[in-house]
Amino acid sequence: MKKNVFSLVLAVAFGFTATASTQIDGEKKEVKASESSVTWKGYKVTGSHAGTIALKEGFLLFDDNKLTGGEFVVNMTTLTTTDEMGDMNAKLNGHLKSDDFFGVEAHPTAKLVFTKAVSFNKNSYTVTGDLTIKGITKPITFVVSIFGSKATATLKIDRTKYGIKYGSGSFFDNLGDKAIYDEFDLVTELQF
């Protein structure tokens, strides 16, 4: 009886080990955060604003040189405007980091986790992922292109899905030229 129990324990232990190793098939490539860039652009009735945000960490997963997954964390405290100078820059940066927008004191990071990657040509993939901003997670779909050790993507994000409704014509009337469009763009260039 003891021998059977011992054999069962060994079988289960080796079974879990085999399962764990099959889940890590492929190659994990760490993204070089300091060599990567994330730029943003938001739109309003009277124009737009643009800026940068720093990638904190991330990786891409490959199996047989095909993209299969990825995960990225962005440091929201680095959110910066690049199209304003002086006092206007400081004012806009402060407002974007406030609870009206990204509430970075309570939510210092945002996260993107790939859930599916489907190749549609030699270098490009349609990626579906879970994007978390301000503690709210929603699915998002976008295209990732990979050339050598560089990956690029442009994401169009509806900020209102993450509780960011300030100045949105979808929620407030009579904003006139103070209206801010719901969608903003993120353009990423990742080195790995």
Protein backbone atom coordinates (compact mmCIF):
# COMPACT_ATOMS: atom_id res chain seq x y z
CA MET A 1 0.00 0.00 0.00
CA LYS A 2 2.79 2.45 0.93
CA LYS A 3 4.54 1.65 -2.34
CA ASN A 4 1.37 2.42 -4.33
CA VAL A 5 0.86 5.73 -2.54
CA PHE A 6 4.52 6.66 -3.10
CA SER A 7 4.21 5.75 -6.80
CA LEU A 8 1.05 7.86 -7.07
CA VAL A 9 2.79 10.85 -5.43
CA LEU A 10 5.75 10.52 -7.83
CA ALA A 11 3.43 10.23 -10.82
CA VAL A 12 1.49 13.33 -9.79
CA ALA A 13 4.71 15.29 -9.07
CA PHE A 14 6.24 14.38 -12.43
CA GLY A 15 2.90 15.04 -14.13
CA PHE A 16 2.82 18.57 -12.74
CA THR A 17 6.45 19.09 -13.72
CA ALA A 18 5.73 17.95 -17.28
CA THR A 19 2.66 20.18 -17.47
CA ALA A 20 4.60 23.20 -16.18
CA SER A 21 7.37 22.70 -18.70
CA THR A 22 4.94 22.44 -21.62
CA GLN A 23 3.36 25.76 -20.62
CA ILE A 24 6.72 27.49 -21.05
CA ASP A 25 7.34 26.23 -24.59
CA GLY A 26 8.81 28.87 -26.84
CA GLU A 27 10.98 31.83 -26.03
CA LYS A 28 10.42 34.77 -23.68
CA LYS A 29 12.11 37.94 -24.91
CA GLU A 30 12.42 40.76 -22.40
CA VAL A 31 11.74 44.21 -23.81
CA LYS A 32 14.51 46.76 -23.27
CA ALA A 33 12.42 49.45 -21.57
CA SER A 34 15.08 52.16 -21.81
CA GLU A 35 15.41 51.63 -25.59
CA SER A 36 11.66 51.42 -26.24
CA SER A 37 9.17 54.27 -26.63
CA VAL A 38 5.48 54.85 -26.03
CA THR A 39 3.97 58.06 -27.40
CA TRP A 40 0.39 59.22 -27.03
CA LYS A 41 -1.88 61.66 -28.81
CA GLY A 42 -5.23 62.93 -27.54
CA TYR A 43 -7.72 64.93 -29.58
CA LYS A 44 -10.08 67.78 -28.80
CA VAL A 45 -12.36 69.94 -30.94
CA THR A 46 -9.76 72.70 -31.18
CA GLY A 47 -6.70 70.50 -31.81
CA SER A 48 -4.67 67.85 -30.03
CA HIS A 49 -1.99 67.19 -27.46
CA ALA A 50 0.86 64.69 -27.64
CA GLY A 51 3.42 63.27 -25.27
CA THR A 52 5.30 60.29 -23.96
CA ILE A 53 5.02 57.68 -21.25
CA ALA A 54 7.71 55.26 -20.07
CA LEU A 55 7.51 51.52 -20.30
CA LYS A 56 8.36 50.02 -16.91
CA GLU A 57 8.81 46.41 -18.03
CA GLY A 58 7.56 43.88 -20.52
CA PHE A 59 8.18 40.79 -22.58
CA LEU A 60 7.06 39.07 -25.74
CA LEU A 61 6.53 35.33 -26.08
CA PHE A 62 7.44 33.45 -29.25
CA ASP A 63 7.01 29.84 -30.33
CA ASP A 64 8.96 28.78 -33.40
CA ASN A 65 9.62 32.50 -34.13
CA LYS A 66 5.88 33.28 -34.10
CA LEU A 67 4.42 35.76 -31.60
CA THR A 68 2.21 33.94 -29.07
CA GLY A 69 1.91 36.37 -26.16
CA GLY A 70 3.22 39.31 -24.22
CA GLU A 71 2.79 41.44 -21.14
CA PHE A 72 3.67 45.09 -20.51
CA VAL A 73 3.54 47.50 -17.59
CA VAL A 74 3.61 51.26 -18.17
CA ASN A 75 4.74 53.75 -15.51
CA MET A 76 1.83 56.22 -15.45
CA THR A 77 3.78 58.67 -13.25
CA THR A 78 5.99 59.44 -16.28
CA LEU A 79 3.04 60.71 -18.35
CA THR A 80 4.36 63.88 -20.00
CA THR A 81 3.15 66.35 -22.61
CA THR A 82 5.63 67.22 -25.35
CA ASP A 83 3.68 69.89 -27.26
CA GLU A 84 3.42 72.50 -24.47
CA MET A 85 6.15 74.43 -22.69
CA GLY A 86 6.57 76.11 -19.30
CA ASP A 87 3.52 76.70 -17.13
CA MET A 88 1.09 75.25 -19.70
CA ASN A 89 3.12 72.03 -19.78
CA ALA A 90 3.10 71.69 -15.99
CA LYS A 91 -0.62 72.51 -15.82
CA LEU A 92 -1.57 69.96 -18.50
CA ASN A 93 0.71 67.25 -17.03
CA GLY A 94 -0.85 67.80 -13.60
CA HIS A 95 -4.37 67.64 -14.99
CA LEU A 96 -3.68 64.42 -16.94
CA LYS A 97 -2.26 62.80 -13.79
CA SER A 98 -5.25 63.95 -11.68
CA ASP A 99 -8.40 61.96 -10.98
CA ASP A 100 -10.11 63.78 -13.89
CA PHE A 101 -7.98 61.63 -16.18
CA PHE A 102 -5.55 58.87 -15.15
CA GLY A 103 -5.43 59.27 -11.34
CA VAL A 104 -1.78 58.24 -11.19
CA GLU A 105 -1.44 58.62 -7.42
CA ALA A 106 -3.88 55.74 -6.89
CA HIS A 107 -3.03 53.97 -10.15
CA PRO A 108 0.72 54.40 -10.83
CA THR A 109 0.82 51.70 -13.52
CA ALA A 110 -1.25 50.47 -16.44
CA LYS A 111 -0.95 46.94 -17.82
CA LEU A 112 -1.50 45.12 -21.11
CA VAL A 113 -1.61 41.32 -21.28
CA PHE A 114 -1.87 39.59 -24.67
CA THR A 115 -4.52 36.86 -24.71
CA LYS A 116 -4.32 35.90 -28.39
CA ALA A 117 -2.02 36.59 -31.36
CA VAL A 118 -2.99 35.55 -34.89
CA SER A 119 -0.52 35.95 -37.76
CA PHE A 120 -1.94 37.48 -40.94
CA ASN A 121 1.32 37.84 -42.87
CA LYS A 122 5.04 37.21 -42.37
CA ASN A 123 5.61 40.05 -39.87
CA SER A 124 2.17 41.13 -38.59
CA TYR A 125 -0.29 39.83 -36.02
CA THR A 126 -3.77 40.72 -34.91
CA VAL A 127 -3.45 40.77 -31.13
CA THR A 128 -6.22 40.68 -28.57
CA GLY A 129 -5.34 41.62 -25.04
CA ASP A 130 -6.62 42.81 -21.69
CA LEU A 131 -5.76 46.46 -21.02
CA THR A 132 -5.97 47.72 -17.43
CA ILE A 133 -6.14 51.47 -16.79
CA LYS A 134 -7.23 52.95 -13.42
CA GLY A 135 -7.91 49.43 -12.16
CA ILE A 136 -10.44 48.73 -14.93
CA THR A 137 -9.68 45.90 -17.38
CA LYS A 138 -11.21 45.79 -20.86
CA PRO A 139 -10.38 43.78 -23.99
CA ILE A 140 -8.63 45.54 -26.87
CA THR A 141 -7.58 44.42 -30.36
CA PHE A 142 -4.71 45.91 -32.39
CA VAL A 143 -1.98 45.03 -34.89
CA VAL A 144 1.62 44.25 -33.90
CA SER A 145 4.38 44.19 -36.53
CA ILE A 146 7.73 42.55 -35.81
CA PHE A 147 10.96 43.16 -37.73
CA GLY A 148 14.09 41.56 -36.26
CA SER A 149 14.31 42.65 -32.62
CA LYS A 150 11.78 45.48 -32.94
CA ALA A 151 8.00 45.39 -32.48
CA THR A 152 5.63 48.25 -33.33
CA ALA A 153 1.96 48.78 -32.62
CA THR A 154 -0.63 51.54 -32.70
CA LEU A 155 -3.53 51.27 -30.28
CA LYS A 156 -6.71 53.34 -30.37
CA ILE A 157 -8.13 53.48 -26.84
CA ASP A 158 -11.58 54.70 -25.75
CA ARG A 159 -10.77 56.39 -22.43
CA THR A 160 -14.42 56.36 -21.29
CA LYS A 161 -14.29 52.56 -20.96
CA TYR A 162 -11.79 53.13 -18.15
CA GLY A 163 -13.87 55.70 -16.28
CA ILE A 164 -12.16 58.74 -17.84
CA LYS A 165 -15.13 60.91 -18.80
CA TYR A 166 -13.76 64.43 -18.28
CA GLY A 167 -14.76 66.68 -21.20
CA SER A 168 -16.43 63.83 -23.09
CA GLY A 169 -19.26 64.83 -25.41
CA SER A 170 -20.64 61.32 -24.89
CA PHE A 171 -21.43 62.18 -21.26
CA PHE A 172 -21.73 65.97 -21.05
CA ASP A 173 -23.81 68.44 -23.06
CA ASN A 174 -22.91 71.94 -24.22
CA LEU A 175 -19.12 71.51 -24.08
CA GLY A 176 -18.68 73.39 -27.33
CA ASP A 177 -15.02 73.83 -28.24
CA LYS A 178 -13.97 72.42 -24.83
CA ALA A 179 -14.99 68.87 -25.83
CA ILE A 180 -12.29 66.21 -25.75
CA TYR A 181 -12.71 63.18 -27.99
CA ASP A 182 -13.14 59.82 -26.28
CA GLU A 183 -10.40 58.01 -28.21
CA PHE A 184 -6.68 58.60 -27.95
CA ASP A 185 -3.76 56.90 -29.72
CA LEU A 186 -0.75 55.06 -28.32
CA VAL A 187 2.17 54.36 -30.66
CA THR A 188 4.74 51.89 -29.36
CA GLU A 189 8.19 50.95 -30.59
CA LEU A 190 9.63 48.09 -28.55
CA GLN A 191 13.21 46.87 -28.64
CA PHE A 192 13.90 43.34 -27.37
